[in-house]
């Protein structure tokens, strides 16, 4: 009886190890295809590791979760890049007068679009993971963002 319990625990741990390895290889492959820089792929691998650990996904959930999450990240990244480009134009002085006002309006529309993307993906996530796992995802993304900001701040000092 005790042996069976130990075997079950070891199998669960082994499954989590394989799942983590699968996620790491999948993430590495997708970044190699995109040609991302070393730092970016390292950051993304850290984020994937945190999400994998904190959501405690089983293998079936992971197979369904990661494609949805990757699409979500891609959609948000596209919007954020557009916002940053417009903000850069305003802050650099390249845009002035009506062009700056138009750019600011575009930024506001993009921020609304970002909220819409987050809202639409929430329902997609909840088809794949539990509400507790979704809450853990939100928490993990915030913690990861805060950790990156702290590291950047510390690196500047």
Protein backbone atom coordinates (compact mmCIF):
# COMPACT_ATOMS: atom_id res chain seq x y z
CA UNK A 1 0.00 0.00 0.00
CA UNK A 2 2.73 2.45 1.00
CA UNK A 3 4.73 1.48 -2.08
CA UNK A 4 1.74 2.26 -4.35
CA UNK A 5 1.35 5.69 -2.78
CA UNK A 6 5.05 6.42 -3.29
CA UNK A 7 4.84 5.23 -6.89
CA UNK A 8 1.84 7.50 -7.53
CA UNK A 9 3.66 10.50 -6.01
CA UNK A 10 6.76 9.74 -8.08
CA UNK A 11 4.68 9.42 -11.26
CA UNK A 12 3.01 12.77 -10.58
CA UNK A 13 6.42 14.39 -10.06
CA UNK A 14 7.74 12.72 -13.20
CA UNK A 15 4.74 13.96 -15.18
CA UNK A 16 5.37 17.51 -13.94
CA UNK A 17 9.03 17.21 -14.92
CA UNK A 18 8.10 16.07 -18.44
CA UNK A 19 5.49 18.81 -18.68
CA UNK A 20 8.04 21.44 -17.65
CA UNK A 21 10.55 20.07 -20.14
CA UNK A 22 7.92 20.08 -22.89
CA UNK A 23 6.96 23.69 -22.14
CA UNK A 24 10.62 24.76 -22.06
CA UNK A 25 11.38 23.06 -25.38
CA UNK A 26 8.21 24.47 -26.95
CA UNK A 27 9.10 27.98 -25.76
CA UNK A 28 12.70 27.66 -26.89
CA UNK A 29 11.61 26.47 -30.31
CA UNK A 30 9.12 29.27 -30.81
CA UNK A 31 11.72 31.89 -29.87
CA UNK A 32 14.33 30.34 -32.12
CA UNK A 33 11.88 30.61 -35.00
CA UNK A 34 11.12 34.25 -34.22
CA UNK A 35 14.78 35.16 -33.92
CA UNK A 36 14.35 36.70 -30.48
CA UNK A 37 17.42 37.92 -28.66
CA UNK A 38 19.11 35.91 -25.94
CA UNK A 39 17.88 38.19 -23.16
CA UNK A 40 14.32 38.11 -24.46
CA UNK A 41 14.26 34.32 -24.69
CA UNK A 42 15.73 34.05 -21.20
CA UNK A 43 13.05 36.38 -19.83
CA UNK A 44 10.32 34.46 -21.65
CA UNK A 45 11.63 31.14 -20.33
CA UNK A 46 11.57 32.53 -16.80
CA UNK A 47 8.00 33.72 -17.28
CA UNK A 48 6.89 30.36 -18.67
CA UNK A 49 8.54 28.62 -15.74
CA UNK A 50 6.74 30.83 -13.23
CA UNK A 51 3.39 30.34 -14.93
CA UNK A 52 3.88 26.57 -15.20
CA UNK A 53 4.81 26.32 -11.54
CA UNK A 54 2.10 28.61 -10.17
CA UNK A 55 -0.79 27.31 -12.28
CA UNK A 56 0.05 23.65 -11.61
CA UNK A 57 -1.25 22.64 -15.04
CA UNK A 58 -1.76 18.97 -15.80
CA UNK A 59 -0.51 17.74 -19.18
CA UNK A 60 -3.93 17.97 -20.86
CA UNK A 61 -4.46 21.52 -19.62
CA UNK A 62 -0.95 22.53 -20.70
CA UNK A 63 -1.54 21.30 -24.24
CA UNK A 64 -4.65 23.46 -24.47
CA UNK A 65 -3.44 26.40 -22.35
CA UNK A 66 -0.14 27.34 -24.04
CA UNK A 67 -1.50 27.94 -27.55
CA UNK A 68 -4.19 30.23 -26.09
CA UNK A 69 -1.66 32.01 -23.88
CA UNK A 70 0.82 32.45 -26.75
CA UNK A 71 -1.91 33.97 -28.96
CA UNK A 72 -2.93 36.25 -26.07
CA UNK A 73 0.65 37.38 -25.55
CA UNK A 74 1.11 38.00 -29.27
CA UNK A 75 -2.07 40.08 -29.54
CA UNK A 76 -1.15 42.15 -26.48
CA UNK A 77 2.46 42.57 -27.61
CA UNK A 78 1.32 43.96 -30.98
CA UNK A 79 -0.86 46.57 -29.29
CA UNK A 80 1.78 47.50 -26.72
CA UNK A 81 4.38 48.02 -29.45
CA UNK A 82 2.02 50.37 -31.30
CA UNK A 83 1.37 52.32 -28.09
CA UNK A 84 5.09 52.63 -27.33
CA UNK A 85 5.84 53.79 -30.86
CA UNK A 86 3.23 56.54 -30.60
CA UNK A 87 4.39 57.55 -27.12
CA UNK A 88 7.95 57.72 -28.36
CA UNK A 89 6.89 60.06 -31.17
CA UNK A 90 5.11 62.35 -28.72
CA UNK A 91 7.86 62.40 -26.09
CA UNK A 92 10.66 62.90 -28.63
CA UNK A 93 8.94 65.93 -30.06
CA UNK A 94 8.59 64.34 -33.49
CA UNK A 95 4.84 64.84 -33.18
CA UNK A 96 3.49 68.24 -32.26
CA UNK A 97 0.21 70.09 -32.43
CA UNK A 98 -2.63 68.18 -34.05
CA UNK A 99 -0.38 65.21 -34.84
CA UNK A 100 0.38 64.79 -31.13
CA UNK A 101 -3.32 65.04 -30.26
CA UNK A 102 -4.17 62.48 -32.94
CA UNK A 103 -1.45 60.18 -31.63
CA UNK A 104 -2.83 60.50 -28.10
CA UNK A 105 -6.31 59.61 -29.37
CA UNK A 106 -4.86 56.57 -31.13
CA UNK A 107 -3.12 55.56 -27.87
CA UNK A 108 -6.43 55.74 -26.01
CA UNK A 109 -8.11 53.58 -28.67
CA UNK A 110 -5.27 51.07 -28.47
CA UNK A 111 -5.56 50.91 -24.68
CA UNK A 112 -9.28 50.18 -25.05
CA UNK A 113 -8.40 47.51 -27.60
CA UNK A 114 -5.91 46.02 -25.12
CA UNK A 115 -8.65 45.81 -22.48
CA UNK A 116 -10.94 44.19 -25.02
CA UNK A 117 -8.27 41.60 -25.88
CA UNK A 118 -7.78 40.80 -22.20
CA UNK A 119 -11.51 40.48 -21.69
CA UNK A 120 -12.02 38.21 -24.71
CA UNK A 121 -9.14 35.94 -23.74
CA UNK A 122 -10.47 35.61 -20.20
CA UNK A 123 -13.34 33.49 -21.49
CA UNK A 124 -10.93 31.47 -23.64
CA UNK A 125 -8.70 30.80 -20.63
CA UNK A 126 -11.65 29.77 -18.49
CA UNK A 127 -12.54 27.12 -21.07
CA UNK A 128 -9.11 25.57 -20.48
CA UNK A 129 -8.22 26.27 -16.83
CA UNK A 130 -10.13 26.69 -13.58
CA UNK A 131 -11.06 30.02 -12.03
CA UNK A 132 -8.41 29.47 -9.35
CA UNK A 133 -5.79 28.85 -12.02
CA UNK A 134 -6.92 31.97 -13.88
CA UNK A 135 -6.55 33.98 -10.67
CA UNK A 136 -3.07 32.45 -10.26
CA UNK A 137 -2.25 33.48 -13.85
CA UNK A 138 -3.21 37.09 -13.16
CA UNK A 139 -1.22 37.08 -9.92
CA UNK A 140 1.80 35.42 -11.58
CA UNK A 141 1.88 37.89 -14.46
CA UNK A 142 1.79 40.80 -11.99
CA UNK A 143 4.55 39.24 -9.86
CA UNK A 144 6.68 38.61 -12.93
CA UNK A 145 6.22 42.18 -14.16
CA UNK A 146 7.12 43.56 -10.73
CA UNK A 147 10.20 41.30 -10.57
CA UNK A 148 11.39 42.54 -13.98
CA UNK A 149 10.86 46.17 -13.03
CA UNK A 150 12.79 45.66 -9.80
CA UNK A 151 15.67 44.04 -11.67
CA UNK A 152 15.76 46.86 -14.20
CA UNK A 153 15.74 49.45 -11.42
CA UNK A 154 18.49 47.61 -9.56
CA UNK A 155 20.57 47.31 -12.75
CA UNK A 156 20.38 51.08 -13.30
CA UNK A 157 21.73 51.80 -9.82
